[in-house]
Amino acid sequence: MGDLLQQVPMVSAGKKTPLLIEIPVNGEGAPFLISGLRDWVWIRGSRSGIIRSAVRPGAIPKDIFVQVTQEVAKKGAASKWGNTLPFSDDGLVKATKYIKSYDIDQVEALVPVGSTLQAPKGVRLSESAWIPKNKAVVVPQDRTYLGLLGTFGPEFYTVVLHNPSRGMVVLGDW
């Protein structure tokens, strides 16, 4: 796949693009990372099982996955989730174990083009042009576990990570 998040075409109920969307979530995945109007926003939880994410105007930035990864790396390190590891074969093995510890069997490592990392048995290794050199991201093959990149045509988008602490491990210094 190579992308961090699955792109999901969204449909407006009316003629105008909404200012925000509501996404049902499982509270165990908190905190959640969403797109605010200008910046990224962390939400501690949801009593109602619904979170709201701003719909941003403009085309999807080319570095959207890098931005999201940097946010998760920063929050993960500060919160001591254990989802930030060195860029190495050993780091990749530990990242795989971390993701699999949440009962996720199919794991994918997104690595830079030309990477020499060796994938552990059963892990799909995907070269991705958006991944900088000496960095990698380990995620479930089924990206719906992690979140989504919602699009409203070519001019509006929203991002929701409803499981960043358990569904994403970053390798290297982001």
N, C-alpha and C. Protein backbone atom coordinates (compact mmCIF):
# COMPACT_ATOMS: atom_id res chain seq x y z
N MET A 1 0.84 -1.19 0.00
CA MET A 1 0.00 0.00 0.00
C MET A 1 0.87 1.25 0.00
N GLY A 2 1.75 1.41 0.99
CA GLY A 2 2.67 2.54 1.02
C GLY A 2 2.15 3.80 1.68
N ASP A 3 0.84 3.99 1.73
CA ASP A 3 0.27 5.17 2.38
C ASP A 3 0.08 4.89 3.87
N LEU A 4 0.19 5.93 4.67
CA LEU A 4 -0.01 5.77 6.10
C LEU A 4 -1.47 5.50 6.43
N LEU A 5 -2.36 6.21 5.74
CA LEU A 5 -3.79 6.10 6.00
C LEU A 5 -4.55 5.79 4.72
N GLN A 6 -5.65 5.11 4.88
CA GLN A 6 -6.53 4.85 3.75
C GLN A 6 -7.28 6.14 3.41
N GLN A 7 -7.31 6.49 2.13
CA GLN A 7 -8.09 7.64 1.70
C GLN A 7 -9.53 7.20 1.48
N VAL A 8 -10.44 7.92 2.13
CA VAL A 8 -11.85 7.58 2.06
C VAL A 8 -12.61 8.77 1.47
N PRO A 9 -13.22 8.60 0.30
CA PRO A 9 -14.05 9.68 -0.26
C PRO A 9 -15.27 9.90 0.65
N MET A 10 -15.51 11.14 1.00
CA MET A 10 -16.64 11.48 1.86
C MET A 10 -17.70 12.18 1.01
N VAL A 11 -18.93 12.10 1.47
CA VAL A 11 -20.04 12.72 0.76
C VAL A 11 -20.74 13.68 1.71
N SER A 12 -20.99 14.88 1.24
CA SER A 12 -21.70 15.88 2.04
C SER A 12 -23.20 15.60 1.99
N ALA A 13 -23.86 15.83 3.12
CA ALA A 13 -25.31 15.64 3.17
C ALA A 13 -26.02 16.72 2.35
N GLY A 14 -25.44 17.92 2.33
CA GLY A 14 -26.02 19.01 1.57
C GLY A 14 -25.14 19.37 0.40
N LYS A 15 -25.34 20.57 -0.11
CA LYS A 15 -24.55 21.03 -1.26
C LYS A 15 -23.19 21.57 -0.84
N LYS A 16 -23.07 22.02 0.41
CA LYS A 16 -21.81 22.59 0.89
C LYS A 16 -20.99 21.53 1.61
N THR A 17 -19.68 21.70 1.57
CA THR A 17 -18.78 20.84 2.32
C THR A 17 -18.91 21.19 3.79
N PRO A 18 -19.02 20.20 4.68
CA PRO A 18 -19.18 20.50 6.11
C PRO A 18 -17.91 21.10 6.70
N LEU A 19 -18.06 21.79 7.82
CA LEU A 19 -16.92 22.34 8.54
C LEU A 19 -16.22 21.28 9.37
N LEU A 20 -16.96 20.25 9.76
CA LEU A 20 -16.40 19.14 10.52
C LEU A 20 -17.18 17.88 10.22
N ILE A 21 -16.55 16.74 10.57
CA ILE A 21 -17.24 15.46 10.43
C ILE A 21 -17.22 14.77 11.78
N GLU A 22 -18.20 13.90 11.98
CA GLU A 22 -18.26 13.10 13.20
C GLU A 22 -17.89 11.67 12.86
N ILE A 23 -17.00 11.10 13.68
CA ILE A 23 -16.52 9.73 13.47
C ILE A 23 -16.76 8.93 14.75
N PRO A 24 -17.42 7.77 14.65
CA PRO A 24 -17.56 6.92 15.84
C PRO A 24 -16.21 6.29 16.20
N VAL A 25 -15.92 6.23 17.49
CA VAL A 25 -14.65 5.68 17.96
C VAL A 25 -14.86 4.76 19.16
N ASN A 26 -13.88 3.90 19.36
CA ASN A 26 -13.82 3.07 20.55
C ASN A 26 -12.95 3.83 21.56
N GLY A 27 -13.47 4.08 22.73
CA GLY A 27 -12.76 4.87 23.73
C GLY A 27 -11.41 4.30 24.13
N GLU A 28 -11.18 3.00 23.93
CA GLU A 28 -9.90 2.39 24.29
C GLU A 28 -8.76 2.88 23.40
N GLY A 29 -9.08 3.48 22.26
CA GLY A 29 -8.05 3.96 21.34
C GLY A 29 -7.53 5.35 21.67
N ALA A 30 -8.12 6.01 22.69
CA ALA A 30 -7.73 7.37 23.04
C ALA A 30 -6.29 7.41 23.53
N PRO A 31 -5.63 8.54 23.36
CA PRO A 31 -6.11 9.78 22.78
C PRO A 31 -6.18 9.67 21.25
N PHE A 32 -6.98 10.57 20.69
CA PHE A 32 -7.20 10.59 19.25
C PHE A 32 -6.51 11.82 18.65
N LEU A 33 -6.00 11.67 17.45
CA LEU A 33 -5.39 12.79 16.74
C LEU A 33 -6.31 13.16 15.58
N ILE A 34 -6.68 14.43 15.53
CA ILE A 34 -7.56 14.90 14.46
C ILE A 34 -6.99 16.16 13.82
N SER A 35 -7.49 16.45 12.64
CA SER A 35 -7.13 17.70 12.00
C SER A 35 -8.00 18.80 12.59
N GLY A 36 -7.33 19.81 13.14
CA GLY A 36 -8.02 21.02 13.53
C GLY A 36 -8.07 21.91 12.30
N LEU A 37 -8.62 23.07 12.42
CA LEU A 37 -8.71 23.95 11.25
C LEU A 37 -7.32 24.32 10.73
N ARG A 38 -6.36 24.56 11.63
CA ARG A 38 -5.01 24.92 11.20
C ARG A 38 -3.94 23.95 11.72
N ASP A 39 -4.11 23.46 12.94
CA ASP A 39 -3.11 22.61 13.58
C ASP A 39 -3.70 21.24 13.89
N TRP A 40 -2.84 20.35 14.34
CA TRP A 40 -3.27 19.04 14.79
C TRP A 40 -3.78 19.14 16.22
N VAL A 41 -4.81 18.38 16.54
CA VAL A 41 -5.44 18.44 17.85
C VAL A 41 -5.50 17.04 18.44
N TRP A 42 -5.07 16.92 19.71
CA TRP A 42 -5.19 15.67 20.44
C TRP A 42 -6.43 15.74 21.31
N ILE A 43 -7.25 14.71 21.26
CA ILE A 43 -8.46 14.62 22.07
C ILE A 43 -8.26 13.49 23.07
N ARG A 44 -8.45 13.78 24.34
CA ARG A 44 -8.19 12.80 25.41
C ARG A 44 -9.11 11.59 25.37
N GLY A 45 -10.34 11.79 24.98
CA GLY A 45 -11.30 10.69 24.96
C GLY A 45 -12.64 11.17 24.44
N SER A 46 -13.62 10.28 24.49
CA SER A 46 -14.95 10.62 24.02
C SER A 46 -15.98 9.88 24.86
N ARG A 47 -16.76 10.61 25.59
CA ARG A 47 -17.81 10.00 26.42
C ARG A 47 -18.93 9.45 25.55
N SER A 48 -19.18 10.11 24.42
CA SER A 48 -20.29 9.73 23.56
C SER A 48 -19.91 8.67 22.52
N GLY A 49 -18.60 8.40 22.37
CA GLY A 49 -18.18 7.46 21.34
C GLY A 49 -18.10 8.11 19.96
N ILE A 50 -18.11 9.45 19.94
CA ILE A 50 -18.03 10.22 18.69
C ILE A 50 -16.96 11.30 18.87
N ILE A 51 -16.13 11.47 17.85
CA ILE A 51 -15.20 12.61 17.85
C ILE A 51 -15.48 13.43 16.59
N ARG A 52 -15.12 14.70 16.67
CA ARG A 52 -15.33 15.61 15.54
C ARG A 52 -13.98 16.08 15.02
N SER A 53 -13.84 16.04 13.71
CA SER A 53 -12.60 16.45 13.06
C SER A 53 -12.90 17.55 12.05
N ALA A 54 -12.08 18.59 12.07
CA ALA A 54 -12.29 19.71 11.15
C ALA A 54 -12.00 19.28 9.72
N VAL A 55 -12.77 19.83 8.80
CA VAL A 55 -12.54 19.64 7.37
C VAL A 55 -11.73 20.84 6.91
N ARG A 56 -10.52 20.56 6.44
CA ARG A 56 -9.61 21.63 6.02
C ARG A 56 -9.80 21.95 4.54
N PRO A 57 -9.80 23.24 4.22
CA PRO A 57 -9.87 23.62 2.80
C PRO A 57 -8.50 23.47 2.14
N GLY A 58 -8.51 23.20 0.86
CA GLY A 58 -7.27 23.08 0.10
C GLY A 58 -6.98 21.64 -0.27
N ALA A 59 -6.03 21.48 -1.16
CA ALA A 59 -5.60 20.15 -1.56
C ALA A 59 -4.84 19.49 -0.41
N ILE A 60 -4.79 18.19 -0.40
CA ILE A 60 -4.05 17.46 0.62
C ILE A 60 -2.57 17.80 0.47
N PRO A 61 -1.93 18.27 1.55
CA PRO A 61 -0.49 18.58 1.47
C PRO A 61 0.33 17.33 1.11
N LYS A 62 1.38 17.52 0.34
CA LYS A 62 2.22 16.39 -0.07
C LYS A 62 2.88 15.72 1.13
N ASP A 63 3.10 16.47 2.20
CA ASP A 63 3.75 15.91 3.38
C ASP A 63 2.77 15.55 4.50
N ILE A 64 1.52 15.30 4.17
CA ILE A 64 0.50 15.04 5.19
C ILE A 64 0.88 13.85 6.08
N PHE A 65 1.41 12.77 5.48
CA PHE A 65 1.75 11.60 6.28
C PHE A 65 2.96 11.87 7.17
N VAL A 66 3.89 12.70 6.70
CA VAL A 66 5.04 13.09 7.52
C VAL A 66 4.55 13.91 8.71
N GLN A 67 3.65 14.86 8.47
CA GLN A 67 3.10 15.68 9.55
C GLN A 67 2.45 14.81 10.63
N VAL A 68 1.61 13.89 10.19
CA VAL A 68 0.90 13.01 11.13
C VAL A 68 1.89 12.16 11.91
N THR A 69 2.88 11.60 11.22
CA THR A 69 3.87 10.75 11.87
C THR A 69 4.67 11.54 12.90
N GLN A 70 5.05 12.76 12.58
CA GLN A 70 5.77 13.60 13.53
C GLN A 70 4.93 13.87 14.78
N GLU A 71 3.65 14.12 14.60
CA GLU A 71 2.77 14.36 15.75
C GLU A 71 2.68 13.13 16.64
N VAL A 72 2.52 11.95 16.03
CA VAL A 72 2.41 10.72 16.81
C VAL A 72 3.74 10.41 17.51
N ALA A 73 4.85 10.63 16.81
CA ALA A 73 6.17 10.39 17.42
C ALA A 73 6.38 11.30 18.63
N LYS A 74 6.04 12.56 18.48
CA LYS A 74 6.21 13.53 19.57
C LYS A 74 5.34 13.16 20.78
N LYS A 75 4.08 12.86 20.52
CA LYS A 75 3.15 12.51 21.60
C LYS A 75 3.53 11.17 22.24
N GLY A 76 3.92 10.20 21.41
CA GLY A 76 4.30 8.89 21.92
C GLY A 76 5.51 8.96 22.82
N ALA A 77 6.52 9.74 22.43
CA ALA A 77 7.72 9.89 23.25
C ALA A 77 7.38 10.60 24.56
N ALA A 78 6.60 11.68 24.49
CA ALA A 78 6.24 12.44 25.69
C ALA A 78 5.37 11.62 26.65
N SER A 79 4.51 10.79 26.09
CA SER A 79 3.59 9.99 26.92
C SER A 79 4.15 8.62 27.28
N LYS A 80 5.34 8.30 26.76
CA LYS A 80 6.01 7.03 27.04
C LYS A 80 5.14 5.82 26.65
N TRP A 81 4.57 5.90 25.43
CA TRP A 81 3.77 4.78 24.93
C TRP A 81 4.64 3.58 24.57
N GLY A 82 5.89 3.82 24.23
CA GLY A 82 6.76 2.74 23.77
C GLY A 82 6.68 2.53 22.27
N ASN A 83 6.13 3.50 21.56
CA ASN A 83 5.96 3.37 20.10
C ASN A 83 6.99 4.19 19.31
N THR A 84 8.07 4.59 19.95
CA THR A 84 9.18 5.26 19.25
C THR A 84 10.43 4.44 19.50
N LEU A 85 11.03 3.98 18.40
CA LEU A 85 12.18 3.08 18.49
C LEU A 85 13.26 3.51 17.50
N PRO A 86 14.48 2.99 17.69
CA PRO A 86 15.55 3.33 16.75
C PRO A 86 15.30 2.71 15.37
N PHE A 87 15.85 3.35 14.35
CA PHE A 87 15.78 2.82 12.99
C PHE A 87 16.86 1.75 12.85
N SER A 88 16.44 0.49 13.01
CA SER A 88 17.36 -0.63 12.92
C SER A 88 16.54 -1.90 12.73
N ASP A 89 17.21 -2.98 12.38
CA ASP A 89 16.51 -4.27 12.26
C ASP A 89 15.91 -4.67 13.60
N ASP A 90 16.66 -4.44 14.69
CA ASP A 90 16.15 -4.75 16.03
C ASP A 90 14.93 -3.87 16.37
N GLY A 91 15.00 -2.58 16.00
CA GLY A 91 13.86 -1.69 16.22
C GLY A 91 12.62 -2.18 15.46
N LEU A 92 12.84 -2.68 14.25
CA LEU A 92 11.73 -3.18 13.44
C LEU A 92 11.11 -4.43 14.07
N VAL A 93 11.94 -5.30 14.62
CA VAL A 93 11.43 -6.50 15.31
C VAL A 93 10.59 -6.07 16.52
N LYS A 94 11.11 -5.14 17.31
CA LYS A 94 10.38 -4.67 18.49
C LYS A 94 9.09 -3.96 18.10
N ALA A 95 9.12 -3.18 17.01
CA ALA A 95 7.92 -2.48 16.53
C ALA A 95 6.85 -3.48 16.12
N THR A 96 7.28 -4.54 15.45
CA THR A 96 6.35 -5.58 15.02
C THR A 96 5.69 -6.24 16.23
N LYS A 97 6.48 -6.55 17.25
CA LYS A 97 5.94 -7.16 18.47
C LYS A 97 4.96 -6.22 19.16
N TYR A 98 5.29 -4.92 19.15
CA TYR A 98 4.42 -3.92 19.77
C TYR A 98 3.04 -3.93 19.10
N ILE A 99 3.02 -3.85 17.78
CA ILE A 99 1.74 -3.84 17.05
C ILE A 99 1.00 -5.17 17.26
N LYS A 100 1.72 -6.28 17.17
CA LYS A 100 1.09 -7.59 17.33
C LYS A 100 0.56 -7.81 18.75
N SER A 101 1.11 -7.10 19.73
CA SER A 101 0.63 -7.25 21.11
C SER A 101 -0.81 -6.77 21.27
N TYR A 102 -1.32 -6.07 20.28
CA TYR A 102 -2.71 -5.61 20.29
C TYR A 102 -3.59 -6.48 19.40
N ASP A 103 -3.19 -7.75 19.25
CA ASP A 103 -3.95 -8.74 18.48
C ASP A 103 -4.10 -8.36 17.01
N ILE A 104 -3.07 -7.74 16.47
CA ILE A 104 -3.03 -7.42 15.04
C ILE A 104 -2.03 -8.38 14.41
N ASP A 105 -2.53 -9.25 13.55
CA ASP A 105 -1.67 -10.28 12.96
C ASP A 105 -0.93 -9.80 11.72
N GLN A 106 -1.57 -8.98 10.91
CA GLN A 106 -0.96 -8.55 9.64
C GLN A 106 -0.37 -7.15 9.80
N VAL A 107 0.98 -7.13 9.78
CA VAL A 107 1.72 -5.90 10.04
C VAL A 107 2.47 -5.49 8.78
N GLU A 108 2.58 -4.18 8.58
CA GLU A 108 3.31 -3.64 7.43
C GLU A 108 4.31 -2.60 7.91
N ALA A 109 5.53 -2.70 7.40
CA ALA A 109 6.57 -1.72 7.70
C ALA A 109 6.74 -0.83 6.48
N LEU A 110 6.51 0.47 6.66
CA LEU A 110 6.70 1.45 5.60
C LEU A 110 8.11 1.99 5.74
N VAL A 111 8.91 1.80 4.71
CA VAL A 111 10.33 2.16 4.76
C VAL A 111 10.67 3.06 3.57
N PRO A 112 11.78 3.81 3.67
CA PRO A 112 12.17 4.65 2.54
C PRO A 112 12.62 3.80 1.35
N VAL A 113 12.51 4.37 0.19
CA VAL A 113 12.96 3.69 -1.02
C VAL A 113 14.45 3.38 -0.88
N GLY A 114 14.82 2.14 -1.16
CA GLY A 114 16.22 1.73 -1.06
C GLY A 114 16.65 1.31 0.33
N SER A 115 15.72 1.17 1.26
CA SER A 115 16.06 0.79 2.63
C SER A 115 16.66 -0.62 2.68
N THR A 116 17.57 -0.82 3.61
CA THR A 116 18.20 -2.13 3.79
C THR A 116 17.63 -2.88 4.99
N LEU A 117 16.58 -2.34 5.62
CA LEU A 117 15.98 -3.05 6.75
C LEU A 117 15.47 -4.41 6.30
N GLN A 118 15.60 -5.39 7.17
CA GLN A 118 15.14 -6.75 6.91
C GLN A 118 13.85 -6.98 7.68
N ALA A 119 12.79 -7.32 6.95
CA ALA A 119 11.49 -7.53 7.59
C ALA A 119 11.47 -8.85 8.36
N PRO A 120 10.94 -8.82 9.57
CA PRO A 120 10.75 -10.08 10.30
C PRO A 120 9.75 -10.96 9.54
N LYS A 121 9.77 -12.23 9.83
CA LYS A 121 8.87 -13.18 9.18
C LYS A 121 7.41 -12.72 9.35
N GLY A 122 6.69 -12.74 8.25
CA GLY A 122 5.28 -12.39 8.28
C GLY A 122 4.98 -10.91 8.21
N VAL A 123 6.00 -10.07 8.06
CA VAL A 123 5.79 -8.63 8.00
C VAL A 123 6.00 -8.16 6.56
N ARG A 124 5.04 -7.45 6.04
CA ARG A 124 5.16 -6.88 4.70
C ARG A 124 6.02 -5.62 4.77
N LEU A 125 7.01 -5.54 3.90
CA LEU A 125 7.88 -4.38 3.81
C LEU A 125 7.49 -3.60 2.56
N SER A 126 7.10 -2.34 2.72
CA SER A 126 6.66 -1.52 1.59
C SER A 126 7.51 -0.26 1.50
N GLU A 127 8.18 -0.09 0.38
CA GLU A 127 8.94 1.14 0.16
C GLU A 127 7.94 2.26 -0.14
N SER A 128 8.16 3.39 0.50
CA SER A 128 7.24 4.53 0.36
C SER A 128 8.04 5.80 0.14
N ALA A 129 7.74 6.50 -0.92
CA ALA A 129 8.48 7.71 -1.28
C ALA A 129 8.36 8.81 -0.22
N TRP A 130 7.31 8.81 0.57
CA TRP A 130 7.11 9.87 1.57
C TRP A 130 7.95 9.65 2.83
N ILE A 131 8.49 8.45 3.01
CA ILE A 131 9.29 8.16 4.21
C ILE A 131 10.71 8.68 4.01
N PRO A 132 11.19 9.56 4.89
CA PRO A 132 12.57 10.05 4.78
C PRO A 132 13.59 8.94 5.08
N LYS A 133 14.80 9.16 4.61
CA LYS A 133 15.89 8.21 4.82
C LYS A 133 16.12 7.99 6.32
N ASN A 134 16.44 6.76 6.69
CA ASN A 134 16.73 6.36 8.07
C ASN A 134 15.55 6.52 9.02
N LYS A 135 14.35 6.36 8.46
CA LYS A 135 13.13 6.41 9.25
C LYS A 135 12.19 5.34 8.72
N ALA A 136 11.25 4.91 9.52
CA ALA A 136 10.25 3.93 9.10
C ALA A 136 9.03 4.06 9.99
N VAL A 137 7.93 3.48 9.54
CA VAL A 137 6.68 3.47 10.30
C VAL A 137 6.10 2.06 10.19
N VAL A 138 5.71 1.50 11.32
CA VAL A 138 5.10 0.18 11.34
C VAL A 138 3.64 0.33 11.73
N VAL A 139 2.77 -0.24 10.90
CA VAL A 139 1.32 -0.09 11.06
C VAL A 139 0.62 -1.40 10.72
N PRO A 140 -0.66 -1.51 11.08
CA PRO A 140 -1.42 -2.68 10.63
C PRO A 140 -1.62 -2.62 9.11
N GLN A 141 -1.64 -3.77 8.47
CA GLN A 141 -1.94 -3.78 7.03
C GLN A 141 -3.34 -3.22 6.79
N ASP A 142 -4.25 -3.50 7.70
CA ASP A 142 -5.61 -2.94 7.61
C ASP A 142 -5.59 -1.57 8.28
N ARG A 143 -5.47 -0.54 7.47
CA ARG A 143 -5.32 0.82 8.00
C ARG A 143 -6.57 1.34 8.72
N THR A 144 -7.71 0.69 8.55
CA THR A 144 -8.90 1.16 9.25
C THR A 144 -8.73 1.08 10.76
N TYR A 145 -7.82 0.22 11.24
CA TYR A 145 -7.53 0.15 12.67
C TYR A 145 -6.88 1.44 13.16
N LEU A 146 -6.09 2.08 12.30
CA LEU A 146 -5.35 3.28 12.68
C LEU A 146 -6.16 4.56 12.51
N GLY A 147 -6.82 4.71 11.37
CA GLY A 147 -7.57 5.93 11.12
C GLY A 147 -7.88 6.11 9.65
N LEU A 148 -8.11 7.36 9.25
CA LEU A 148 -8.46 7.62 7.87
C LEU A 148 -8.08 9.03 7.44
N LEU A 149 -7.96 9.19 6.14
CA LEU A 149 -7.79 10.47 5.48
C LEU A 149 -9.03 10.65 4.62
N GLY A 150 -9.97 11.47 5.09
CA GLY A 150 -11.22 11.67 4.38
C GLY A 150 -11.08 12.80 3.37
N THR A 151 -11.62 12.59 2.18
CA THR A 151 -11.54 13.61 1.14
C THR A 151 -12.95 14.00 0.67
N PHE A 152 -13.11 15.28 0.45
CA PHE A 152 -14.33 15.83 -0.14
C PHE A 152 -13.92 16.43 -1.47
N GLY A 153 -13.79 15.57 -2.47
CA GLY A 153 -13.27 16.03 -3.76
C GLY A 153 -11.81 16.41 -3.61
N PRO A 154 -11.30 17.20 -4.56
CA PRO A 154 -9.87 17.54 -4.51
C PRO A 154 -9.54 18.75 -3.63
N GLU A 155 -10.54 19.40 -3.07
CA GLU A 155 -10.29 20.67 -2.39
C GLU A 155 -10.54 20.69 -0.88
N PHE A 156 -10.92 19.57 -0.29
CA PHE A 156 -11.17 19.53 1.15
C PHE A 156 -10.76 18.16 1.69
N TYR A 157 -10.23 18.14 2.92
CA TYR A 157 -9.83 16.87 3.52
C TYR A 157 -9.92 16.96 5.04
N THR A 158 -9.89 15.79 5.67
CA THR A 158 -9.87 15.68 7.12
C THR A 158 -9.06 14.44 7.49
N VAL A 159 -8.44 14.49 8.66
CA VAL A 159 -7.64 13.36 9.13
C VAL A 159 -8.10 12.97 10.53
N VAL A 160 -8.28 11.66 10.73
CA VAL A 160 -8.65 11.13 12.04
C VAL A 160 -7.79 9.90 12.32
N LEU A 161 -7.03 9.94 13.41
CA LEU A 161 -6.34 8.76 13.90
C LEU A 161 -7.04 8.36 15.19
N HIS A 162 -7.77 7.26 15.12
CA HIS A 162 -8.54 6.83 16.29
C HIS A 162 -7.85 5.72 17.07
N ASN A 163 -6.59 5.41 16.71
CA ASN A 163 -5.83 4.42 17.45
C ASN A 163 -4.33 4.65 17.32
N PRO A 164 -3.85 5.88 17.49
CA PRO A 164 -2.43 6.14 17.24
C PRO A 164 -1.48 5.50 18.25
N SER A 165 -1.91 5.33 19.48
CA SER A 165 -0.99 4.78 20.50
C SER A 165 -0.79 3.28 20.34
N ARG A 166 -1.73 2.60 19.70
CA ARG A 166 -1.63 1.15 19.56
C ARG A 166 -1.44 0.71 18.11
N GLY A 167 -1.69 1.58 17.18
CA GLY A 167 -1.66 1.18 15.78
C GLY A 167 -0.53 1.77 14.96
N MET A 168 0.48 2.33 15.64
CA MET A 168 1.56 2.97 14.88
C MET A 168 2.82 3.01 15.73
N VAL A 169 3.93 2.56 15.13
CA VAL A 169 5.24 2.65 15.77
C VAL A 169 6.16 3.36 14.79
N VAL A 170 6.90 4.35 15.28
CA VAL A 170 7.82 5.08 14.42
C VAL A 170 9.25 4.71 14.76
N LEU A 171 10.03 4.51 13.72
CA LEU A 171 11.44 4.17 13.87
C LEU A 171 12.27 5.34 13.37
N GLY A 172 13.31 5.69 14.11
CA GLY A 172 14.15 6.81 13.72
C GLY A 172 13.72 8.09 14.41
N ASP A 173 14.47 9.13 14.19
CA ASP A 173 14.23 10.44 14.81
C ASP A 173 13.39 11.29 13.88
N TRP A 174 12.09 11.37 14.17
CA TRP A 174 11.17 12.15 13.35
C TRP A 174 11.15 13.58 13.83
